[in-house]
C-alpha atoms as a PDB file:
ATOM      1  CA  UNK A   1      -4.157  24.678  -4.730  1.00  0.00           C
ATOM      2  CA  UNK A   2      -7.778  25.306  -3.848  1.00  0.00           C
ATOM      3  CA  UNK A   3      -9.167  24.740  -0.405  1.00  0.00           C
ATOM      4  CA  UNK A   4     -11.759  22.051   0.222  1.00  0.00           C
ATOM      5  CA  UNK A   5     -14.716  24.447   0.390  1.00  0.00           C
ATOM      6  CA  UNK A   6     -13.794  26.005  -2.988  1.00  0.00           C
ATOM      7  CA  UNK A   7     -13.551  22.564  -4.590  1.00  0.00           C
ATOM      8  CA  UNK A   8     -16.857  21.488  -3.039  1.00  0.00           C
ATOM      9  CA  UNK A   9     -18.507  24.661  -4.392  1.00  0.00           C
ATOM     10  CA  UNK A  10     -17.104  23.901  -7.864  1.00  0.00           C
ATOM     11  CA  UNK A  11     -18.609  20.402  -7.693  1.00  0.00           C
ATOM     12  CA  UNK A  12     -22.003  21.821  -6.632  1.00  0.00           C
ATOM     13  CA  UNK A  13     -21.859  24.349  -9.513  1.00  0.00           C
ATOM     14  CA  UNK A  14     -20.981  21.631 -12.018  1.00  0.00           C
ATOM     15  CA  UNK A  15     -23.850  19.393 -10.904  1.00  0.00           C
ATOM     16  CA  UNK A  16     -26.307  22.308 -10.978  1.00  0.00           C
ATOM     17  CA  UNK A  17     -25.702  22.655 -14.734  1.00  0.00           C
ATOM     18  CA  UNK A  18     -27.576  19.407 -15.350  1.00  0.00           C
ATOM     19  CA  UNK A  19     -31.353  19.318 -15.560  1.00  0.00           C
ATOM     20  CA  UNK A  20     -31.977  15.733 -14.548  1.00  0.00           C
ATOM     21  CA  UNK A  21     -30.364  12.884 -12.697  1.00  0.00           C
ATOM     22  CA  UNK A  22     -29.589  10.838 -15.800  1.00  0.00           C
ATOM     23  CA  UNK A  23     -27.265  13.644 -16.903  1.00  0.00           C
ATOM     24  CA  UNK A  24     -25.765  13.832 -13.415  1.00  0.00           C
ATOM     25  CA  UNK A  25     -25.140  10.075 -13.381  1.00  0.00           C
ATOM     26  CA  UNK A  26     -23.404  10.372 -16.758  1.00  0.00           C
ATOM     27  CA  UNK A  27     -21.266  13.180 -15.353  1.00  0.00           C
ATOM     28  CA  UNK A  28     -20.405  11.067 -12.295  1.00  0.00           C
ATOM     29  CA  UNK A  29     -19.351   8.234 -14.589  1.00  0.00           C
ATOM     30  CA  UNK A  30     -17.097  10.674 -16.470  1.00  0.00           C
ATOM     31  CA  UNK A  31     -15.600  11.847 -13.168  1.00  0.00           C
ATOM     32  CA  UNK A  32     -14.883   8.231 -12.301  1.00  0.00           C
ATOM     33  CA  UNK A  33     -12.926   7.853 -15.533  1.00  0.00           C
ATOM     34  CA  UNK A  34     -10.621  10.698 -14.474  1.00  0.00           C
ATOM     35  CA  UNK A  35      -9.967   9.191 -11.045  1.00  0.00           C
ATOM     36  CA  UNK A  36      -6.299   8.864 -10.045  1.00  0.00           C
ATOM     37  CA  UNK A  37      -6.077   5.095 -10.382  1.00  0.00           C
ATOM     38  CA  UNK A  38      -4.875   3.045  -7.461  1.00  0.00           C
ATOM     39  CA  UNK A  39      -1.818   0.858  -7.931  1.00  0.00           C
ATOM     40  CA  UNK A  40      -2.828  -2.785  -8.443  1.00  0.00           C
ATOM     41  CA  UNK A  41      -0.958  -3.808  -5.277  1.00  0.00           C
ATOM     42  CA  UNK A  42      -3.551  -1.899  -3.204  1.00  0.00           C
ATOM     43  CA  UNK A  43      -6.536  -3.740  -4.661  1.00  0.00           C
ATOM     44  CA  UNK A  44      -6.707  -6.016  -1.646  1.00  0.00           C
ATOM     45  CA  UNK A  45      -8.846  -6.511   1.453  1.00  0.00           C
ATOM     46  CA  UNK A  46      -6.734  -4.130   3.498  1.00  0.00           C
ATOM     47  CA  UNK A  47      -7.562  -1.238   1.155  1.00  0.00           C
ATOM     48  CA  UNK A  48     -11.156  -2.157   0.356  1.00  0.00           C
ATOM     49  CA  UNK A  49     -13.946  -0.144   1.898  1.00  0.00           C
ATOM     50  CA  UNK A  50     -16.263  -2.251   4.004  1.00  0.00           C
ATOM     51  CA  UNK A  51     -19.955  -1.501   3.709  1.00  0.00           C
ATOM     52  CA  UNK A  52     -19.982  -0.882  -0.037  1.00  0.00           C
ATOM     53  CA  UNK A  53     -22.129  -3.004  -2.294  1.00  0.00           C
ATOM     54  CA  UNK A  54     -19.446  -2.761  -4.980  1.00  0.00           C
ATOM     55  CA  UNK A  55     -15.730  -3.266  -4.554  1.00  0.00           C
ATOM     56  CA  UNK A  56     -13.992   0.014  -3.725  1.00  0.00           C
ATOM     57  CA  UNK A  57     -10.314   0.321  -2.938  1.00  0.00           C
ATOM     58  CA  UNK A  58      -8.660   3.432  -1.524  1.00  0.00           C
ATOM     59  CA  UNK A  59      -5.018   4.121  -0.831  1.00  0.00           C
ATOM     60  CA  UNK A  60      -3.639   7.220   0.835  1.00  0.00           C
ATOM     61  CA  UNK A  61      -0.142   8.590   1.072  1.00  0.00           C
ATOM     62  CA  UNK A  62       1.389  11.701   2.564  1.00  0.00           C
ATOM     63  CA  UNK A  63       3.154  14.155   0.256  1.00  0.00           C
ATOM     64  CA  UNK A  64       4.412  17.490   1.613  1.00  0.00           C
ATOM     65  CA  UNK A  65       2.088  17.061   4.607  1.00  0.00           C
ATOM     66  CA  UNK A  66      -0.923  16.636   2.301  1.00  0.00           C
ATOM     67  CA  UNK A  67      -2.956  13.447   2.045  1.00  0.00           C
ATOM     68  CA  UNK A  68      -3.027  12.121  -1.519  1.00  0.00           C
ATOM     69  CA  UNK A  69      -5.712   9.572  -2.351  1.00  0.00           C
ATOM     70  CA  UNK A  70      -5.976   7.088  -5.188  1.00  0.00           C
ATOM     71  CA  UNK A  71      -8.906   4.739  -5.661  1.00  0.00           C
ATOM     72  CA  UNK A  72     -10.781   2.405  -7.945  1.00  0.00           C
ATOM     73  CA  UNK A  73     -14.057   0.523  -8.032  1.00  0.00           C
ATOM     74  CA  UNK A  74     -15.521  -2.300 -10.061  1.00  0.00           C
ATOM     75  CA  UNK A  75     -18.761  -0.309 -10.560  1.00  0.00           C
ATOM     76  CA  UNK A  76     -18.969   2.861 -12.669  1.00  0.00           C
ATOM     77  CA  UNK A  77     -21.359   4.815 -10.426  1.00  0.00           C
ATOM     78  CA  UNK A  78     -19.391   3.926  -7.305  1.00  0.00           C
ATOM     79  CA  UNK A  79     -16.199   4.951  -9.065  1.00  0.00           C
ATOM     80  CA  UNK A  80     -17.827   8.324  -9.758  1.00  0.00           C
ATOM     81  CA  UNK A  81     -18.844   8.724  -6.109  1.00  0.00           C
ATOM     82  CA  UNK A  82     -15.345   8.057  -4.787  1.00  0.00           C
ATOM     83  CA  UNK A  83     -13.955  10.355  -7.503  1.00  0.00           C
ATOM     84  CA  UNK A  84     -16.081  13.217  -6.148  1.00  0.00           C
ATOM     85  CA  UNK A  85     -14.806  12.666  -2.602  1.00  0.00           C
ATOM     86  CA  UNK A  86     -11.194  12.344  -3.711  1.00  0.00           C
ATOM     87  CA  UNK A  87     -11.451  15.467  -5.824  1.00  0.00           C
ATOM     88  CA  UNK A  88     -12.598  17.411  -2.766  1.00  0.00           C
ATOM     89  CA  UNK A  89     -10.150  15.945  -0.265  1.00  0.00           C
ATOM     90  CA  UNK A  90      -7.008  14.767  -2.043  1.00  0.00           C
ATOM     91  CA  UNK A  91      -3.904  16.969  -1.768  1.00  0.00           C
ATOM     92  CA  UNK A  92      -5.245  18.577   1.395  1.00  0.00           C
ATOM     93  CA  UNK A  93      -3.888  18.790   4.930  1.00  0.00           C
ATOM     94  CA  UNK A  94      -5.175  16.018   7.219  1.00  0.00           C
ATOM     95  CA  UNK A  95      -6.743  18.523   9.638  1.00  0.00           C
ATOM     96  CA  UNK A  96      -8.570  20.256   6.769  1.00  0.00           C
ATOM     97  CA  UNK A  97     -10.023  16.903   5.690  1.00  0.00           C
ATOM     98  CA  UNK A  98     -11.124  16.205   9.255  1.00  0.00           C
ATOM     99  CA  UNK A  99     -12.695  19.664   9.568  1.00  0.00           C
ATOM    100  CA  UNK A 100     -14.438  19.465   6.181  1.00  0.00           C
ATOM    101  CA  UNK A 101     -18.155  18.940   6.151  1.00  0.00           C
ATOM    102  CA  UNK A 102     -20.003  16.898   3.571  1.00  0.00           C
ATOM    103  CA  UNK A 103     -22.912  19.300   2.978  1.00  0.00           C
ATOM    104  CA  UNK A 104     -21.954  19.522  -0.691  1.00  0.00           C
ATOM    105  CA  UNK A 105     -23.103  15.909  -1.143  1.00  0.00           C
ATOM    106  CA  UNK A 106     -26.591  16.918  -0.014  1.00  0.00           C
ATOM    107  CA  UNK A 107     -26.437  20.089  -2.120  1.00  0.00           C
ATOM    108  CA  UNK A 108     -25.890  18.088  -5.309  1.00  0.00           C
ATOM    109  CA  UNK A 109     -28.674  15.714  -4.211  1.00  0.00           C
ATOM    110  CA  UNK A 110     -26.448  12.675  -4.373  1.00  0.00           C
ATOM    111  CA  UNK A 111     -27.586  10.874  -1.236  1.00  0.00           C
ATOM    112  CA  UNK A 112     -31.274  11.053  -2.118  1.00  0.00           C
ATOM    113  CA  UNK A 113     -30.613   9.572  -5.574  1.00  0.00           C
ATOM    114  CA  UNK A 114     -28.671   6.557  -4.370  1.00  0.00           C
ATOM    115  CA  UNK A 115     -30.048   3.195  -3.402  1.00  0.00           C
ATOM    116  CA  UNK A 116     -29.870   2.528   0.351  1.00  0.00           C
ATOM    117  CA  UNK A 117     -26.881   0.205  -0.118  1.00  0.00           C
ATOM    118  CA  UNK A 118     -25.008   2.797  -2.206  1.00  0.00           C
ATOM    119  CA  UNK A 119     -25.860   5.513   0.348  1.00  0.00           C
ATOM    120  CA  UNK A 120     -24.390   3.275   3.074  1.00  0.00           C
ATOM    121  CA  UNK A 121     -21.334   2.805   0.873  1.00  0.00           C
ATOM    122  CA  UNK A 122     -20.982   6.580   0.537  1.00  0.00           C
ATOM    123  CA  UNK A 123     -20.961   6.931   4.325  1.00  0.00           C
ATOM    124  CA  UNK A 124     -18.336   4.162   4.535  1.00  0.00           C
ATOM    125  CA  UNK A 125     -16.172   5.938   1.932  1.00  0.00           C
ATOM    126  CA  UNK A 126     -16.330   9.215   3.875  1.00  0.00           C
ATOM    127  CA  UNK A 127     -15.429   7.419   7.115  1.00  0.00           C
ATOM    128  CA  UNK A 128     -12.475   5.657   5.501  1.00  0.00           C
ATOM    129  CA  UNK A 129     -11.052   8.839   3.948  1.00  0.00           C
ATOM    130  CA  UNK A 130     -11.365  10.623   7.285  1.00  0.00           C
ATOM    131  CA  UNK A 131      -9.667   7.679   9.038  1.00  0.00           C
ATOM    132  CA  UNK A 132      -6.678   8.097   6.730  1.00  0.00           C
ATOM    133  CA  UNK A 133      -6.639  11.791   7.645  1.00  0.00           C
ATOM    134  CA  UNK A 134      -6.636  10.908  11.361  1.00  0.00           C
ATOM    135  CA  UNK A 135      -3.721   8.528  10.854  1.00  0.00           C
ATOM    136  CA  UNK A 136      -1.671  11.084   8.944  1.00  0.00           C
ATOM    137  CA  UNK A 137      -2.571  13.926  11.305  1.00  0.00           C
ATOM    138  CA  UNK A 138      -0.992  11.974  14.134  1.00  0.00           C
ATOM    139  CA  UNK A 139       2.199  11.561  12.079  1.00  0.00           C
ATOM    140  CA  UNK A 140       2.527  15.269  11.362  1.00  0.00           C
ATOM    141  CA  UNK A 141       2.170  16.573  14.930  1.00  0.00           C
END
């Protein structure tokens, strides 16, 4: 298993292969298609991320002291955004998720190419994933 920084560097490298943002959006859409899909029972208000323009649902579980995320969205770009975050942070220790920075998002230029509402949604997604990590960290100690 790779650590978060290695995965984030892989994501930055992958995005740097594309010349323009249309290609990057297409790649994000492809990433969204490979997202570990959330069980239908978690597509409810309790698991939806507040502050997103689109519907986004995230569920987290603890397996061998690692947080495992699944998610879905009703919008293809948003699904790609959550897929990037889950790829970086799923199957990681809660403390590692809490310690992880999000510089890689700026490095791939994602925030500057999102509408203000999608950028707010991205911040909400990050907060929610970190909140799950806080909850599971307290269970492990």
